[in-house]
C-alpha atoms as a PDB file:
ATOM      1  CA  UNK A   1      13.294   6.405  11.607  1.00  0.00           C
ATOM      2  CA  UNK A   2      16.538   8.553  12.331  1.00  0.00           C
ATOM      3  CA  UNK A   3      18.226  10.867  10.196  1.00  0.00           C
ATOM      4  CA  UNK A   4      21.065  10.500   8.410  1.00  0.00           C
ATOM      5  CA  UNK A   5      23.994  11.922   9.611  1.00  0.00           C
ATOM      6  CA  UNK A   6      27.577  11.786   8.028  1.00  0.00           C
ATOM      7  CA  UNK A   7      27.887   8.425   6.037  1.00  0.00           C
ATOM      8  CA  UNK A   8      30.386   5.795   5.955  1.00  0.00           C
ATOM      9  CA  UNK A   9      30.099   4.347   2.747  1.00  0.00           C
ATOM     10  CA  UNK A  10      26.788   3.644   2.372  1.00  0.00           C
ATOM     11  CA  UNK A  11      26.495   1.814   5.727  1.00  0.00           C
ATOM     12  CA  UNK A  12      23.892   4.171   7.731  1.00  0.00           C
ATOM     13  CA  UNK A  13      22.323   4.831   3.866  1.00  0.00           C
ATOM     14  CA  UNK A  14      21.589   1.151   3.346  1.00  0.00           C
ATOM     15  CA  UNK A  15      20.174   0.244   7.012  1.00  0.00           C
ATOM     16  CA  UNK A  16      17.456   3.370   6.620  1.00  0.00           C
ATOM     17  CA  UNK A  17      16.699   2.430   3.006  1.00  0.00           C
ATOM     18  CA  UNK A  18      16.525  -1.305   4.499  1.00  0.00           C
ATOM     19  CA  UNK A  19      13.936  -0.204   7.324  1.00  0.00           C
ATOM     20  CA  UNK A  20      12.289   1.902   4.707  1.00  0.00           C
ATOM     21  CA  UNK A  21      11.692  -1.037   2.093  1.00  0.00           C
ATOM     22  CA  UNK A  22       9.981  -2.749   5.528  1.00  0.00           C
ATOM     23  CA  UNK A  23       7.440  -0.138   5.510  1.00  0.00           C
ATOM     24  CA  UNK A  24       6.683  -0.395   1.823  1.00  0.00           C
ATOM     25  CA  UNK A  25       4.340  -2.831   0.551  1.00  0.00           C
ATOM     26  CA  UNK A  26       2.388  -2.355  -2.394  1.00  0.00           C
ATOM     27  CA  UNK A  27      -0.381  -4.681  -2.832  1.00  0.00           C
ATOM     28  CA  UNK A  28      -1.642  -5.545  -6.228  1.00  0.00           C
ATOM     29  CA  UNK A  29      -5.385  -6.760  -7.989  1.00  0.00           C
ATOM     30  CA  UNK A  30      -4.578 -10.109  -7.211  1.00  0.00           C
ATOM     31  CA  UNK A  31      -3.618  -9.557  -3.778  1.00  0.00           C
ATOM     32  CA  UNK A  32      -6.872  -7.938  -2.922  1.00  0.00           C
ATOM     33  CA  UNK A  33      -8.643 -10.318  -4.744  1.00  0.00           C
ATOM     34  CA  UNK A  34      -6.652 -12.877  -2.201  1.00  0.00           C
ATOM     35  CA  UNK A  35      -6.987 -10.511   0.789  1.00  0.00           C
ATOM     36  CA  UNK A  36     -10.805  -9.447   0.550  1.00  0.00           C
ATOM     37  CA  UNK A  37     -12.281 -12.685  -1.425  1.00  0.00           C
ATOM     38  CA  UNK A  38     -13.562 -10.474  -3.915  1.00  0.00           C
ATOM     39  CA  UNK A  39     -13.357 -11.021  -7.836  1.00  0.00           C
ATOM     40  CA  UNK A  40     -11.618  -9.484 -10.232  1.00  0.00           C
ATOM     41  CA  UNK A  41     -14.205  -7.137 -11.891  1.00  0.00           C
ATOM     42  CA  UNK A  42     -15.001  -6.289  -7.966  1.00  0.00           C
ATOM     43  CA  UNK A  43     -11.718  -4.941  -6.965  1.00  0.00           C
ATOM     44  CA  UNK A  44     -11.150  -3.475 -10.170  1.00  0.00           C
ATOM     45  CA  UNK A  45     -14.638  -1.381  -9.637  1.00  0.00           C
ATOM     46  CA  UNK A  46     -13.416  -0.702  -5.980  1.00  0.00           C
ATOM     47  CA  UNK A  47     -10.235   0.741  -7.133  1.00  0.00           C
ATOM     48  CA  UNK A  48     -11.946   3.020  -9.600  1.00  0.00           C
ATOM     49  CA  UNK A  49     -13.626   4.945  -6.644  1.00  0.00           C
ATOM     50  CA  UNK A  50     -12.344   8.315  -6.324  1.00  0.00           C
ATOM     51  CA  UNK A  51     -11.751   7.806  -2.546  1.00  0.00           C
ATOM     52  CA  UNK A  52      -9.279   4.603  -3.045  1.00  0.00           C
ATOM     53  CA  UNK A  53      -5.787   5.073  -2.543  1.00  0.00           C
ATOM     54  CA  UNK A  54      -4.520   3.662  -5.967  1.00  0.00           C
ATOM     55  CA  UNK A  55      -1.109   4.189  -7.518  1.00  0.00           C
ATOM     56  CA  UNK A  56      -0.468   3.557 -10.972  1.00  0.00           C
ATOM     57  CA  UNK A  57       2.776   2.312 -11.846  1.00  0.00           C
ATOM     58  CA  UNK A  58       2.859   1.970 -15.607  1.00  0.00           C
ATOM     59  CA  UNK A  59      -0.050   0.065 -16.376  1.00  0.00           C
ATOM     60  CA  UNK A  60      -0.836  -2.226 -13.587  1.00  0.00           C
ATOM     61  CA  UNK A  61      -2.882  -0.151 -10.144  1.00  0.00           C
ATOM     62  CA  UNK A  62      -1.223  -1.269  -6.795  1.00  0.00           C
ATOM     63  CA  UNK A  63      -2.041   0.361  -3.318  1.00  0.00           C
ATOM     64  CA  UNK A  64      -0.126   0.865  -0.315  1.00  0.00           C
ATOM     65  CA  UNK A  65      -0.810  -1.756   2.436  1.00  0.00           C
ATOM     66  CA  UNK A  66      -1.000   0.953   5.128  1.00  0.00           C
ATOM     67  CA  UNK A  67      -3.635   3.126   2.852  1.00  0.00           C
ATOM     68  CA  UNK A  68      -5.597  -0.073   1.901  1.00  0.00           C
ATOM     69  CA  UNK A  69      -5.801  -1.233   5.769  1.00  0.00           C
ATOM     70  CA  UNK A  70      -7.269   2.593   6.365  1.00  0.00           C
ATOM     71  CA  UNK A  71      -9.299   2.762   3.638  1.00  0.00           C
ATOM     72  CA  UNK A  72     -11.421  -0.579   4.621  1.00  0.00           C
ATOM     73  CA  UNK A  73     -11.087   0.888   8.174  1.00  0.00           C
ATOM     74  CA  UNK A  74     -13.474   3.733   7.162  1.00  0.00           C
ATOM     75  CA  UNK A  75     -15.607   2.088   5.024  1.00  0.00           C
ATOM     76  CA  UNK A  76     -16.581  -0.379   7.698  1.00  0.00           C
ATOM     77  CA  UNK A  77     -17.048   2.201  10.316  1.00  0.00           C
ATOM     78  CA  UNK A  78     -19.476   3.747   7.605  1.00  0.00           C
ATOM     79  CA  UNK A  79     -21.427   0.638   7.343  1.00  0.00           C
ATOM     80  CA  UNK A  80     -21.459   0.381  11.048  1.00  0.00           C
ATOM     81  CA  UNK A  81     -19.665  -2.738  11.537  1.00  0.00           C
END
C-alpha cells in the first residue's frame, strides 16, 4: 500500500481505505464451522486454545482469515501433514 501524501477531498484516503477493507476479512464461529466441517463445540475449543489468534469483538469471537490460515498451516506442519 502506498503512503498517503496530500489528500484531495478524501479521494486517496477513500481508495486506501477500500484497499484495507479488501485485506481485512474476519471469520466468525459459523464461518469456521463451515470452512473446517467442525462442530460448534470443537470450533469453540479450538478458539479457546492459548495459541489461537482470536479477536473478541463485543461478545463474539472472531479471527482474521490470514491469521487462521497461518494457524492451520502451523498445526498441519506439527502433525506432519
